[in-house]
PDB file of N, CA and C in Angstrom:
ATOM      1  N   UNK A   1       0.689  -1.473   0.078  1.00  0.00           N
ATOM      2  CA  UNK A   1      -0.256  -0.133  -0.191  1.00  0.00           C
ATOM      3  C   UNK A   1       0.758   0.976   0.014  1.00  0.00           C
ATOM      4  N   UNK A   2       0.479   1.997  -0.827  1.00  0.00           N
ATOM      5  CA  UNK A   2       1.272   3.387  -0.839  1.00  0.00           C
ATOM      6  C   UNK A   2       0.969   4.364   0.196  1.00  0.00           C
ATOM      7  N   UNK A   3       1.786   4.887   1.159  1.00  0.00           N
ATOM      8  CA  UNK A   3       1.701   6.021   2.185  1.00  0.00           C
ATOM      9  C   UNK A   3       0.907   7.122   1.765  1.00  0.00           C
ATOM     10  N   UNK A   4       0.162   7.666   2.407  1.00  0.00           N
ATOM     11  CA  UNK A   4      -0.693   8.774   2.344  1.00  0.00           C
ATOM     12  C   UNK A   4       0.412  10.040   1.569  1.00  0.00           C
ATOM     13  N   UNK A   5       1.495  10.063   2.510  1.00  0.00           N
ATOM     14  CA  UNK A   5       2.192  11.155   2.232  1.00  0.00           C
ATOM     15  C   UNK A   5       2.830  11.104   1.035  1.00  0.00           C
ATOM     16  N   UNK A   6       3.264  10.049   0.515  1.00  0.00           N
ATOM     17  CA  UNK A   6       3.739  10.076  -0.627  1.00  0.00           C
ATOM     18  C   UNK A   6       2.540  10.037  -1.716  1.00  0.00           C
ATOM     19  N   UNK A   7       1.243   9.694  -1.778  1.00  0.00           N
ATOM     20  CA  UNK A   7       0.603  10.043  -2.935  1.00  0.00           C
ATOM     21  C   UNK A   7      -0.043  11.547  -2.985  1.00  0.00           C
ATOM     22  N   UNK A   8       0.108  12.434  -1.626  1.00  0.00           N
ATOM     23  CA  UNK A   8      -0.022  13.573  -1.455  1.00  0.00           C
ATOM     24  C   UNK A   8       1.157  14.397  -2.107  1.00  0.00           C
ATOM     25  N   UNK A   9       2.142  14.111  -2.029  1.00  0.00           N
ATOM     26  CA  UNK A   9       3.513  14.753  -2.450  1.00  0.00           C
ATOM     27  C   UNK A   9       3.019  14.593  -4.181  1.00  0.00           C
ATOM     28  N   UNK A  10       2.810  13.484  -4.487  1.00  0.00           N
ATOM     29  CA  UNK A  10       2.670  13.118  -6.160  1.00  0.00           C
ATOM     30  C   UNK A  10       1.491  14.195  -6.682  1.00  0.00           C
ATOM     31  N   UNK A  11       0.340  14.488  -5.734  1.00  0.00           N
ATOM     32  CA  UNK A  11      -0.638  15.421  -6.224  1.00  0.00           C
ATOM     33  C   UNK A  11       0.134  16.920  -5.970  1.00  0.00           C
ATOM     34  N   UNK A  12       0.394  17.171  -4.999  1.00  0.00           N
ATOM     35  CA  UNK A  12       0.968  18.539  -5.059  1.00  0.00           C
ATOM     36  C   UNK A  12       2.087  18.854  -6.353  1.00  0.00           C
ATOM     37  N   UNK A  13       2.939  17.726  -6.490  1.00  0.00           N
ATOM     38  CA  UNK A  13       3.951  17.878  -7.489  1.00  0.00           C
ATOM     39  C   UNK A  13       3.260  17.907  -9.112  1.00  0.00           C
ATOM     40  N   UNK A  14       2.252  17.188  -9.230  1.00  0.00           N
ATOM     41  CA  UNK A  14       1.640  17.378 -10.505  1.00  0.00           C
ATOM     42  C   UNK A  14       0.494  18.696 -10.479  1.00  0.00           C
ATOM     43  N   UNK A  15       0.124  19.032  -9.649  1.00  0.00           N
ATOM     44  CA  UNK A  15      -0.492  20.237  -9.261  1.00  0.00           C
ATOM     45  C   UNK A  15       0.654  21.529  -9.889  1.00  0.00           C
ATOM     46  N   UNK A  16       1.960  21.608  -9.359  1.00  0.00           N
ATOM     47  CA  UNK A  16       2.717  22.311  -9.452  1.00  0.00           C
ATOM     48  C   UNK A  16       3.318  22.254 -11.143  1.00  0.00           C
ATOM     49  N   UNK A  17       3.047  21.259 -12.010  1.00  0.00           N
ATOM     50  CA  UNK A  17       3.364  21.073 -12.957  1.00  0.00           C
ATOM     51  C   UNK A  17       2.421  21.710 -13.871  1.00  0.00           C
ATOM     52  N   UNK A  18       1.177  21.378 -13.687  1.00  0.00           N
ATOM     53  CA  UNK A  18       0.009  22.172 -14.537  1.00  0.00           C
ATOM     54  C   UNK A  18      -0.056  23.636 -14.142  1.00  0.00           C
ATOM     55  N   UNK A  19       0.176  24.068 -12.972  1.00  0.00           N
ATOM     56  CA  UNK A  19       0.263  25.658 -12.759  1.00  0.00           C
ATOM     57  C   UNK A  19       1.292  26.238 -13.314  1.00  0.00           C
ATOM     58  N   UNK A  20       2.363  25.531 -13.477  1.00  0.00           N
ATOM     59  CA  UNK A  20       3.424  26.206 -14.274  1.00  0.00           C
ATOM     60  C   UNK A  20       3.072  26.485 -15.427  1.00  0.00           C
ATOM     61  N   UNK A  21       2.683  25.209 -16.055  1.00  0.00           N
ATOM     62  CA  UNK A  21       2.187  25.371 -17.430  1.00  0.00           C
ATOM     63  C   UNK A  21       1.518  26.404 -18.005  1.00  0.00           C
ATOM     64  N   UNK A  22       0.605  26.955 -16.626  1.00  0.00           N
ATOM     65  CA  UNK A  22      -0.536  27.608 -17.040  1.00  0.00           C
ATOM     66  C   UNK A  22      -0.277  29.194 -16.636  1.00  0.00           C
ATOM     67  N   UNK A  23       1.359  29.154 -16.611  1.00  0.00           N
ATOM     68  CA  UNK A  23       1.634  30.392 -15.971  1.00  0.00           C
ATOM     69  C   UNK A  23       1.297  31.012 -14.542  1.00  0.00           C
ATOM     70  N   UNK A  24       1.020  30.012 -13.751  1.00  0.00           N
ATOM     71  CA  UNK A  24       0.638  30.425 -12.594  1.00  0.00           C
ATOM     72  C   UNK A  24       1.697  30.537 -11.199  1.00  0.00           C
ATOM     73  N   UNK A  25       2.887  30.849 -11.991  1.00  0.00           N
ATOM     74  CA  UNK A  25       4.016  30.407 -11.115  1.00  0.00           C
ATOM     75  C   UNK A  25       4.054  30.397  -9.299  1.00  0.00           C
ATOM     76  N   UNK A  26       3.433  31.371  -8.596  1.00  0.00           N
ATOM     77  CA  UNK A  26       2.811  31.436  -7.476  1.00  0.00           C
ATOM     78  C   UNK A  26       2.485  30.356  -6.795  1.00  0.00           C
ATOM     79  N   UNK A  27       1.324  29.897  -7.728  1.00  0.00           N
ATOM     80  CA  UNK A  27       0.535  28.717  -7.111  1.00  0.00           C
ATOM     81  C   UNK A  27       1.768  27.234  -7.508  1.00  0.00           C
ATOM     82  N   UNK A  28       2.459  26.974  -8.572  1.00  0.00           N
ATOM     83  CA  UNK A  28       2.916  25.977  -8.668  1.00  0.00           C
ATOM     84  C   UNK A  28       4.365  26.498  -7.857  1.00  0.00           C
ATOM     85  N   UNK A  29       4.981  27.510  -7.565  1.00  0.00           N
ATOM     86  CA  UNK A  29       5.767  27.267  -6.420  1.00  0.00           C
ATOM     87  C   UNK A  29       5.499  26.570  -5.219  1.00  0.00           C
ATOM     88  N   UNK A  30       4.257  26.854  -4.523  1.00  0.00           N
ATOM     89  CA  UNK A  30       3.478  26.636  -3.525  1.00  0.00           C
ATOM     90  C   UNK A  30       3.385  24.930  -3.522  1.00  0.00           C
ATOM     91  N   UNK A  31       2.754  24.784  -4.538  1.00  0.00           N
ATOM     92  CA  UNK A  31       2.720  23.015  -4.562  1.00  0.00           C
ATOM     93  C   UNK A  31       4.182  22.778  -4.662  1.00  0.00           C
ATOM     94  N   UNK A  32       5.168  22.763  -5.383  1.00  0.00           N
ATOM     95  CA  UNK A  32       6.324  22.202  -5.410  1.00  0.00           C
ATOM     96  C   UNK A  32       7.029  22.041  -3.771  1.00  0.00           C
ATOM     97  N   UNK A  33       6.936  23.452  -3.239  1.00  0.00           N
ATOM     98  CA  UNK A  33       7.568  23.135  -1.833  1.00  0.00           C
ATOM     99  C   UNK A  33       6.727  22.368  -1.043  1.00  0.00           C
ATOM    100  N   UNK A  34       5.305  22.027  -1.054  1.00  0.00           N
ATOM    101  CA  UNK A  34       4.679  21.100  -0.171  1.00  0.00           C
ATOM    102  C   UNK A  34       4.780  20.065  -0.811  1.00  0.00           C
ATOM    103  N   UNK A  35       4.914  19.712  -2.149  1.00  0.00           N
ATOM    104  CA  UNK A  35       5.465  18.184  -2.283  1.00  0.00           C
ATOM    105  C   UNK A  35       6.623  18.012  -1.951  1.00  0.00           C
ATOM    106  N   UNK A  36       7.920  18.913  -1.510  1.00  0.00           N
ATOM    107  CA  UNK A  36       9.045  18.534  -1.412  1.00  0.00           C
ATOM    108  C   UNK A  36       9.093  18.316   0.084  1.00  0.00           C
ATOM    109  N   UNK A  37       8.031  19.293   0.663  1.00  0.00           N
ATOM    110  CA  UNK A  37       7.867  18.824   2.555  1.00  0.00           C
ATOM    111  C   UNK A  37       7.475  17.290   2.501  1.00  0.00           C
ATOM    112  N   UNK A  38       6.702  17.163   1.512  1.00  0.00           N
ATOM    113  CA  UNK A  38       6.332  15.531   1.775  1.00  0.00           C
ATOM    114  C   UNK A  38       6.913  14.269   1.600  1.00  0.00           C
ATOM    115  N   UNK A  39       7.789  14.832   0.440  1.00  0.00           N
ATOM    116  CA  UNK A  39       8.697  13.792  -0.200  1.00  0.00           C
ATOM    117  C   UNK A  39       9.898  14.277  -0.742  1.00  0.00           C
ATOM    118  N   UNK A  40      10.900  14.503  -0.021  1.00  0.00           N
ATOM    119  CA  UNK A  40      11.982  15.291  -0.547  1.00  0.00           C
ATOM    120  C   UNK A  40      12.714  14.892  -1.791  1.00  0.00           C
ATOM    121  N   UNK A  41      12.418  13.770  -2.350  1.00  0.00           N
ATOM    122  CA  UNK A  41      12.991  13.566  -3.800  1.00  0.00           C
ATOM    123  C   UNK A  41      12.078  13.312  -4.835  1.00  0.00           C
ATOM    124  N   UNK A  42      11.048  14.173  -4.811  1.00  0.00           N
ATOM    125  CA  UNK A  42      10.139  14.615  -5.970  1.00  0.00           C
ATOM    126  C   UNK A  42      10.724  15.251  -6.921  1.00  0.00           C
ATOM    127  N   UNK A  43      11.373  14.586  -8.108  1.00  0.00           N
ATOM    128  CA  UNK A  43      12.289  14.958  -8.845  1.00  0.00           C
ATOM    129  C   UNK A  43      11.609  16.289  -9.943  1.00  0.00           C
ATOM    130  N   UNK A  44      10.495  15.863 -10.190  1.00  0.00           N
ATOM    131  CA  UNK A  44       9.998  17.170 -11.151  1.00  0.00           C
ATOM    132  C   UNK A  44       9.680  18.009  -9.986  1.00  0.00           C
ATOM    133  N   UNK A  45       9.216  18.220  -8.935  1.00  0.00           N
ATOM    134  CA  UNK A  45       9.394  19.668  -8.284  1.00  0.00           C
ATOM    135  C   UNK A  45      10.890  19.908  -8.109  1.00  0.00           C
ATOM    136  N   UNK A  46      11.705  18.898  -8.026  1.00  0.00           N
ATOM    137  CA  UNK A  46      13.349  19.352  -7.675  1.00  0.00           C
ATOM    138  C   UNK A  46      13.631  20.085  -8.780  1.00  0.00           C
ATOM    139  N   UNK A  47      13.061  19.743 -10.004  1.00  0.00           N
ATOM    140  CA  UNK A  47      13.443  20.404 -11.368  1.00  0.00           C
ATOM    141  C   UNK A  47      12.795  21.611 -11.507  1.00  0.00           C
ATOM    142  N   UNK A  48      11.441  21.761 -11.274  1.00  0.00           N
ATOM    143  CA  UNK A  48      10.859  23.241 -11.832  1.00  0.00           C
ATOM    144  C   UNK A  48      10.888  24.164 -10.599  1.00  0.00           C
ATOM    145  N   UNK A  49      11.216  23.588  -9.215  1.00  0.00           N
ATOM    146  CA  UNK A  49      11.288  24.699  -8.429  1.00  0.00           C
ATOM    147  C   UNK A  49      12.371  25.789  -8.512  1.00  0.00           C
ATOM    148  N   UNK A  50      13.601  24.764  -9.080  1.00  0.00           N
ATOM    149  CA  UNK A  50      14.817  25.888  -9.408  1.00  0.00           C
ATOM    150  C   UNK A  50      14.631  26.929 -10.752  1.00  0.00           C
ATOM    151  N   UNK A  51      13.592  26.452 -11.153  1.00  0.00           N
ATOM    152  CA  UNK A  51      13.307  27.213 -12.430  1.00  0.00           C
ATOM    153  C   UNK A  51      12.708  28.335 -12.166  1.00  0.00           C
ATOM    154  N   UNK A  52      11.513  28.330 -11.148  1.00  0.00           N
ATOM    155  CA  UNK A  52      10.749  29.084 -10.520  1.00  0.00           C
ATOM    156  C   UNK A  52      11.966  30.382 -10.099  1.00  0.00           C
ATOM    157  N   UNK A  53      12.896  29.752  -9.171  1.00  0.00           N
ATOM    158  CA  UNK A  53      13.658  30.538  -8.529  1.00  0.00           C
ATOM    159  C   UNK A  53      14.432  31.679  -9.127  1.00  0.00           C
ATOM    160  N   UNK A  54      15.133  30.429 -10.554  1.00  0.00           N
ATOM    161  CA  UNK A  54      15.795  31.362 -11.426  1.00  0.00           C
ATOM    162  C   UNK A  54      15.032  33.032 -11.880  1.00  0.00           C
ATOM    163  N   UNK A  55      13.753  32.634 -12.323  1.00  0.00           N
ATOM    164  CA  UNK A  55      12.849  33.889 -12.352  1.00  0.00           C
ATOM    165  C   UNK A  55      12.620  35.085 -11.348  1.00  0.00           C
ATOM    166  N   UNK A  56      13.095  34.483 -10.006  1.00  0.00           N
ATOM    167  CA  UNK A  56      12.987  35.065  -8.820  1.00  0.00           C
ATOM    168  C   UNK A  56      14.343  35.783  -8.401  1.00  0.00           C
ATOM    169  N   UNK A  57      15.330  35.368  -9.377  1.00  0.00           N
ATOM    170  CA  UNK A  57      16.698  35.789  -9.274  1.00  0.00           C
ATOM    171  C   UNK A  57      17.252  35.345  -8.051  1.00  0.00           C
ATOM    172  N   UNK A  58      16.657  34.196  -7.166  1.00  0.00           N
ATOM    173  CA  UNK A  58      16.876  33.497  -5.712  1.00  0.00           C
ATOM    174  C   UNK A  58      18.269  32.466  -6.030  1.00  0.00           C
ATOM    175  N   UNK A  59      19.409  32.990  -6.487  1.00  0.00           N
ATOM    176  CA  UNK A  59      20.464  32.341  -6.399  1.00  0.00           C
ATOM    177  C   UNK A  59      20.840  31.300  -5.844  1.00  0.00           C
ATOM    178  N   UNK A  60      20.732  31.256  -4.565  1.00  0.00           N
ATOM    179  CA  UNK A  60      21.555  30.563  -3.592  1.00  0.00           C
ATOM    180  C   UNK A  60      20.971  29.401  -3.701  1.00  0.00           C
ATOM    181  N   UNK A  61      19.262  29.679  -3.468  1.00  0.00           N
ATOM    182  CA  UNK A  61      18.234  29.108  -3.255  1.00  0.00           C
ATOM    183  C   UNK A  61      18.095  27.832  -4.373  1.00  0.00           C
ATOM    184  N   UNK A  62      18.347  28.623  -5.966  1.00  0.00           N
ATOM    185  CA  UNK A  62      18.478  27.844  -6.958  1.00  0.00           C
ATOM    186  C   UNK A  62      19.213  26.992  -7.125  1.00  0.00           C
ATOM    187  N   UNK A  63      20.564  26.978  -6.499  1.00  0.00           N
ATOM    188  CA  UNK A  63      21.575  26.305  -6.767  1.00  0.00           C
ATOM    189  C   UNK A  63      21.495  25.232  -5.564  1.00  0.00           C
ATOM    190  N   UNK A  64      20.795  25.409  -4.392  1.00  0.00           N
ATOM    191  CA  UNK A  64      20.959  24.322  -3.400  1.00  0.00           C
ATOM    192  C   UNK A  64      19.544  23.132  -3.669  1.00  0.00           C
ATOM    193  N   UNK A  65      18.526  23.802  -4.728  1.00  0.00           N
ATOM    194  CA  UNK A  65      17.737  22.830  -5.097  1.00  0.00           C
ATOM    195  C   UNK A  65      18.075  21.802  -6.305  1.00  0.00           C
ATOM    196  N   UNK A  66      18.878  22.640  -7.088  1.00  0.00           N
ATOM    197  CA  UNK A  66      19.373  21.822  -8.367  1.00  0.00           C
ATOM    198  C   UNK A  66      20.306  20.922  -7.882  1.00  0.00           C
ATOM    199  N   UNK A  67      21.300  21.210  -6.716  1.00  0.00           N
ATOM    200  CA  UNK A  67      21.843  20.326  -6.315  1.00  0.00           C
ATOM    201  C   UNK A  67      21.296  18.916  -5.621  1.00  0.00           C
ATOM    202  N   UNK A  68      20.207  19.189  -4.682  1.00  0.00           N
ATOM    203  CA  UNK A  68      19.282  18.300  -4.661  1.00  0.00           C
ATOM    204  C   UNK A  68      18.924  17.092  -5.745  1.00  0.00           C
ATOM    205  N   UNK A  69      18.696  17.892  -6.833  1.00  0.00           N
ATOM    206  CA  UNK A  69      18.033  17.238  -8.149  1.00  0.00           C
ATOM    207  C   UNK A  69      19.282  16.273  -8.593  1.00  0.00           C
ATOM    208  N   UNK A  70      20.240  17.047  -8.550  1.00  0.00           N
ATOM    209  CA  UNK A  70      21.440  16.084  -9.359  1.00  0.00           C
ATOM    210  C   UNK A  70      21.943  15.100  -8.196  1.00  0.00           C
ATOM    211  N   UNK A  71      21.533  15.024  -7.336  1.00  0.00           N
ATOM    212  CA  UNK A  71      21.954  14.021  -6.407  1.00  0.00           C
ATOM    213  C   UNK A  71      21.217  12.599  -6.334  1.00  0.00           C
ATOM    214  N   UNK A  72      19.776  13.019  -7.227  1.00  0.00           N
ATOM    215  CA  UNK A  72      18.670  11.741  -7.286  1.00  0.00           C
ATOM    216  C   UNK A  72      18.630  11.633  -9.118  1.00  0.00           C
ATOM    217  N   UNK A  73      19.414  12.389  -9.707  1.00  0.00           N
ATOM    218  CA  UNK A  73      18.807  12.414 -11.556  1.00  0.00           C
ATOM    219  C   UNK A  73      19.935  12.525 -12.086  1.00  0.00           C
ATOM    220  N   UNK A  74      19.807  12.250 -13.538  1.00  0.00           N
ATOM    221  CA  UNK A  74      20.785  12.588 -14.424  1.00  0.00           C
ATOM    222  C   UNK A  74      20.427  14.024 -15.150  1.00  0.00           C
ATOM    223  N   UNK A  75      21.561  14.518 -16.015  1.00  0.00           N
ATOM    224  CA  UNK A  75      20.871  15.901 -16.646  1.00  0.00           C
ATOM    225  C   UNK A  75      19.859  15.401 -17.907  1.00  0.00           C
ATOM    226  N   UNK A  76      19.058  16.272 -18.099  1.00  0.00           N
ATOM    227  CA  UNK A  76      18.263  16.505 -19.124  1.00  0.00           C
ATOM    228  C   UNK A  76      18.384  18.081 -19.566  1.00  0.00           C
ATOM    229  N   UNK A  77      17.751  18.423 -20.607  1.00  0.00           N
ATOM    230  CA  UNK A  77      17.421  19.601 -21.299  1.00  0.00           C
ATOM    231  C   UNK A  77      17.427  20.849 -20.372  1.00  0.00           C
ATOM    232  N   UNK A  78      15.991  20.207 -19.560  1.00  0.00           N
ATOM    233  CA  UNK A  78      15.927  21.827 -18.156  1.00  0.00           C
ATOM    234  C   UNK A  78      17.135  21.742 -17.103  1.00  0.00           C
ATOM    235  N   UNK A  79      17.452  20.629 -16.812  1.00  0.00           N
ATOM    236  CA  UNK A  79      18.559  20.642 -15.886  1.00  0.00           C
ATOM    237  C   UNK A  79      20.026  21.209 -16.453  1.00  0.00           C
ATOM    238  N   UNK A  80      20.370  21.062 -17.516  1.00  0.00           N
ATOM    239  CA  UNK A  80      21.494  21.754 -17.927  1.00  0.00           C
ATOM    240  C   UNK A  80      20.945  23.118 -18.172  1.00  0.00           C
ATOM    241  N   UNK A  81      19.913  23.934 -18.680  1.00  0.00           N
ATOM    242  CA  UNK A  81      19.497  25.120 -18.616  1.00  0.00           C
ATOM    243  C   UNK A  81      20.179  25.931 -17.426  1.00  0.00           C
ATOM    244  N   UNK A  82      19.459  25.078 -16.459  1.00  0.00           N
ATOM    245  CA  UNK A  82      19.624  25.926 -14.911  1.00  0.00           C
ATOM    246  C   UNK A  82      21.005  25.614 -14.328  1.00  0.00           C
ATOM    247  N   UNK A  83      21.745  24.783 -15.122  1.00  0.00           N
ATOM    248  CA  UNK A  83      23.487  24.300 -14.691  1.00  0.00           C
ATOM    249  C   UNK A  83      23.763  25.639 -15.375  1.00  0.00           C
ATOM    250  N   UNK A  84      23.746  25.605 -16.679  1.00  0.00           N
ATOM    251  CA  UNK A  84      24.312  27.086 -17.307  1.00  0.00           C
ATOM    252  C   UNK A  84      24.130  28.319 -16.794  1.00  0.00           C
ATOM    253  N   UNK A  85      22.780  28.471 -16.238  1.00  0.00           N
ATOM    254  CA  UNK A  85      22.322  29.858 -15.928  1.00  0.00           C
ATOM    255  C   UNK A  85      23.191  30.064 -14.143  1.00  0.00           C
ATOM    256  N   UNK A  86      23.176  28.953 -13.510  1.00  0.00           N
ATOM    257  CA  UNK A  86      23.931  28.830 -12.479  1.00  0.00           C
ATOM    258  C   UNK A  86      25.445  29.250 -12.339  1.00  0.00           C
ATOM    259  N   UNK A  87      26.288  28.550 -13.595  1.00  0.00           N
ATOM    260  CA  UNK A  87      27.006  28.650 -13.988  1.00  0.00           C
ATOM    261  C   UNK A  87      27.803  30.310 -14.364  1.00  0.00           C
ATOM    262  N   UNK A  88      26.758  30.757 -14.933  1.00  0.00           N
ATOM    263  CA  UNK A  88      27.299  32.109 -15.117  1.00  0.00           C
ATOM    264  C   UNK A  88      26.874  33.375 -14.425  1.00  0.00           C
ATOM    265  N   UNK A  89      25.969  32.966 -13.043  1.00  0.00           N
ATOM    266  CA  UNK A  89      25.977  33.758 -12.275  1.00  0.00           C
ATOM    267  C   UNK A  89      26.669  33.148 -10.808  1.00  0.00           C
ATOM    268  N   UNK A  90      26.689  32.152 -10.420  1.00  0.00           N
ATOM    269  CA  UNK A  90      27.303  31.910  -9.134  1.00  0.00           C
ATOM    270  C   UNK A  90      28.638  31.428  -9.028  1.00  0.00           C
ATOM    271  N   UNK A  91      28.906  30.277 -10.179  1.00  0.00           N
ATOM    272  CA  UNK A  91      30.234  29.363 -10.315  1.00  0.00           C
ATOM    273  C   UNK A  91      31.364  29.514 -10.721  1.00  0.00           C
ATOM    274  N   UNK A  92      31.444  30.519 -12.012  1.00  0.00           N
ATOM    275  CA  UNK A  92      32.450  30.915 -12.557  1.00  0.00           C
ATOM    276  C   UNK A  92      32.699  30.414 -13.818  1.00  0.00           C
ATOM    277  N   UNK A  93      33.664  30.575 -14.634  1.00  0.00           N
ATOM    278  CA  UNK A  93      33.900  30.421 -16.080  1.00  0.00           C
ATOM    279  C   UNK A  93      34.068  28.837 -16.217  1.00  0.00           C
ATOM    280  N   UNK A  94      34.781  28.003 -15.216  1.00  0.00           N
ATOM    281  CA  UNK A  94      34.983  26.435 -15.348  1.00  0.00           C
ATOM    282  C   UNK A  94      33.859  25.917 -15.181  1.00  0.00           C
ATOM    283  N   UNK A  95      32.996  26.016 -14.496  1.00  0.00           N
ATOM    284  CA  UNK A  95      31.413  25.082 -14.051  1.00  0.00           C
ATOM    285  C   UNK A  95      30.847  25.951 -15.598  1.00  0.00           C
ATOM    286  N   UNK A  96      30.823  27.019 -15.976  1.00  0.00           N
ATOM    287  CA  UNK A  96      29.812  27.418 -17.334  1.00  0.00           C
ATOM    288  C   UNK A  96      30.306  26.327 -18.412  1.00  0.00           C
ATOM    289  N   UNK A  97      32.175  26.167 -18.583  1.00  0.00           N
ATOM    290  CA  UNK A  97      32.232  25.318 -19.763  1.00  0.00           C
ATOM    291  C   UNK A  97      31.978  23.935 -19.503  1.00  0.00           C
ATOM    292  N   UNK A  98      32.167  23.636 -17.980  1.00  0.00           N
ATOM    293  CA  UNK A  98      31.836  22.306 -17.712  1.00  0.00           C
ATOM    294  C   UNK A  98      30.014  21.954 -18.200  1.00  0.00           C
ATOM    295  N   UNK A  99      29.540  22.914 -18.063  1.00  0.00           N
ATOM    296  CA  UNK A  99      27.896  22.656 -18.349  1.00  0.00           C
ATOM    297  C   UNK A  99      27.612  22.554 -19.727  1.00  0.00           C
ATOM    298  N   UNK A 100      28.574  23.571 -20.331  1.00  0.00           N
ATOM    299  CA  UNK A 100      28.435  23.769 -22.057  1.00  0.00           C
ATOM    300  C   UNK A 100      28.713  22.432 -22.586  1.00  0.00           C
ATOM    301  N   UNK A 101      29.885  21.880 -21.715  1.00  0.00           N
ATOM    302  CA  UNK A 101      30.293  20.261 -22.387  1.00  0.00           C
ATOM    303  C   UNK A 101      29.063  19.208 -22.209  1.00  0.00           C
ATOM    304  N   UNK A 102      28.431  19.380 -21.231  1.00  0.00           N
ATOM    305  CA  UNK A 102      27.464  18.626 -20.948  1.00  0.00           C
ATOM    306  C   UNK A 102      25.893  18.588 -21.663  1.00  0.00           C
ATOM    307  N   UNK A 103      26.051  20.054 -22.217  1.00  0.00           N
ATOM    308  CA  UNK A 103      24.836  20.463 -23.285  1.00  0.00           C
ATOM    309  C   UNK A 103      24.972  19.696 -24.580  1.00  0.00           C
ATOM    310  N   UNK A 104      26.435  19.917 -24.781  1.00  0.00           N
ATOM    311  CA  UNK A 104      26.980  19.307 -26.128  1.00  0.00           C
ATOM    312  C   UNK A 104      27.112  17.481 -26.308  1.00  0.00           C
ATOM    313  N   UNK A 105      27.129  17.090 -24.859  1.00  0.00           N
ATOM    314  CA  UNK A 105      27.166  15.907 -25.016  1.00  0.00           C
ATOM    315  C   UNK A 105      25.511  15.048 -25.078  1.00  0.00           C
ATOM    316  N   UNK A 106      24.545  15.931 -24.513  1.00  0.00           N
ATOM    317  CA  UNK A 106      23.264  15.676 -24.689  1.00  0.00           C
ATOM    318  C   UNK A 106      22.602  16.219 -25.736  1.00  0.00           C
ATOM    319  N   UNK A 107      22.755  17.205 -25.889  1.00  0.00           N
ATOM    320  CA  UNK A 107      21.896  17.800 -27.195  1.00  0.00           C
ATOM    321  C   UNK A 107      22.808  18.914 -27.857  1.00  0.00           C
ATOM    322  N   UNK A 108      24.077  18.165 -28.601  1.00  0.00           N
ATOM    323  CA  UNK A 108      24.771  18.798 -29.528  1.00  0.00           C
ATOM    324  C   UNK A 108      24.339  20.051 -30.466  1.00  0.00           C
ATOM    325  N   UNK A 109      23.128  19.902 -30.850  1.00  0.00           N
ATOM    326  CA  UNK A 109      22.466  20.560 -31.746  1.00  0.00           C
ATOM    327  C   UNK A 109      22.280  22.204 -31.027  1.00  0.00           C
ATOM    328  N   UNK A 110      22.086  21.957 -29.602  1.00  0.00           N
ATOM    329  CA  UNK A 110      21.327  23.226 -29.056  1.00  0.00           C
ATOM    330  C   UNK A 110      22.072  24.400 -29.375  1.00  0.00           C
ATOM    331  N   UNK A 111      21.181  25.587 -28.962  1.00  0.00           N
ATOM    332  CA  UNK A 111      22.080  26.867 -29.676  1.00  0.00           C
ATOM    333  C   UNK A 111      22.880  27.344 -28.536  1.00  0.00           C
ATOM    334  N   UNK A 112      22.604  27.123 -27.098  1.00  0.00           N
ATOM    335  CA  UNK A 112      23.574  27.444 -26.005  1.00  0.00           C
ATOM    336  C   UNK A 112      25.204  26.802 -26.683  1.00  0.00           C
ATOM    337  N   UNK A 113      25.443  25.305 -27.014  1.00  0.00           N
ATOM    338  CA  UNK A 113      26.688  24.923 -27.171  1.00  0.00           C
ATOM    339  C   UNK A 113      27.017  25.362 -28.668  1.00  0.00           C
ATOM    340  N   UNK A 114      25.976  25.538 -29.731  1.00  0.00           N
ATOM    341  CA  UNK A 114      26.315  26.060 -31.137  1.00  0.00           C
ATOM    342  C   UNK A 114      27.028  27.722 -30.786  1.00  0.00           C
ATOM    343  N   UNK A 115      26.441  28.504 -29.459  1.00  0.00           N
ATOM    344  CA  UNK A 115      27.206  29.870 -29.314  1.00  0.00           C
ATOM    345  C   UNK A 115      28.347  29.620 -28.925  1.00  0.00           C
ATOM    346  N   UNK A 116      28.458  28.806 -28.267  1.00  0.00           N
ATOM    347  CA  UNK A 116      29.950  28.486 -27.229  1.00  0.00           C
ATOM    348  C   UNK A 116      30.644  27.916 -28.330  1.00  0.00           C
ATOM    349  N   UNK A 117      30.776  27.002 -29.154  1.00  0.00           N
ATOM    350  CA  UNK A 117      31.566  26.779 -30.092  1.00  0.00           C
ATOM    351  C   UNK A 117      31.696  27.886 -31.321  1.00  0.00           C
ATOM    352  N   UNK A 118      30.945  28.716 -31.467  1.00  0.00           N
ATOM    353  CA  UNK A 118      31.335  29.851 -32.176  1.00  0.00           C
ATOM    354  C   UNK A 118      32.199  30.820 -31.763  1.00  0.00           C
ATOM    355  N   UNK A 119      32.369  30.983 -30.402  1.00  0.00           N
ATOM    356  CA  UNK A 119      32.704  31.849 -29.641  1.00  0.00           C
ATOM    357  C   UNK A 119      34.470  30.885 -29.587  1.00  0.00           C
ATOM    358  N   UNK A 120      34.717  29.910 -29.476  1.00  0.00           N
ATOM    359  CA  UNK A 120      35.808  29.238 -29.681  1.00  0.00           C
ATOM    360  C   UNK A 120      36.568  29.442 -30.912  1.00  0.00           C
ATOM    361  N   UNK A 121      35.862  29.813 -31.881  1.00  0.00           N
ATOM    362  CA  UNK A 121      36.097  29.481 -33.274  1.00  0.00           C
ATOM    363  C   UNK A 121      36.723  31.026 -33.283  1.00  0.00           C
ATOM    364  N   UNK A 122      36.125  31.969 -32.861  1.00  0.00           N
ATOM    365  CA  UNK A 122      36.876  33.396 -32.772  1.00  0.00           C
ATOM    366  C   UNK A 122      38.030  33.545 -32.394  1.00  0.00           C
ATOM    367  N   UNK A 123      38.280  32.910 -31.277  1.00  0.00           N
ATOM    368  CA  UNK A 123      39.054  32.980 -29.995  1.00  0.00           C
ATOM    369  C   UNK A 123      40.353  32.716 -30.391  1.00  0.00           C
ATOM    370  N   UNK A 124      40.484  31.213 -31.344  1.00  0.00           N
ATOM    371  CA  UNK A 124      41.726  30.961 -31.874  1.00  0.00           C
ATOM    372  C   UNK A 124      41.806  31.376 -32.883  1.00  0.00           C
TER     373      UNK A 124
END
């Protein structure tokens, strides 16, 4: 039998996903926070909440939640976008390059990687 808190976490996570797609960031944020309070490894909430925090320019909390996501999941396009943003704002050039290489490995035709590759061509 599935525990009540796990089901509630899934419900709040799904509500967050829906509200984020509807452009209701405040309700999405509240839902993701509740989901993570009930079950700390809800993958989608761990991925969507940093994106909301990016929009709020909440750098430290974005990084902390992103690191929690990375502890339980592999990169995807959305997590790589957050990685790039964090690297440019907080971490520095080495981390940004590392994120760009990850983008190249996952999505070689991504505009961020193409931009990076183009800048290398002019630098050399």
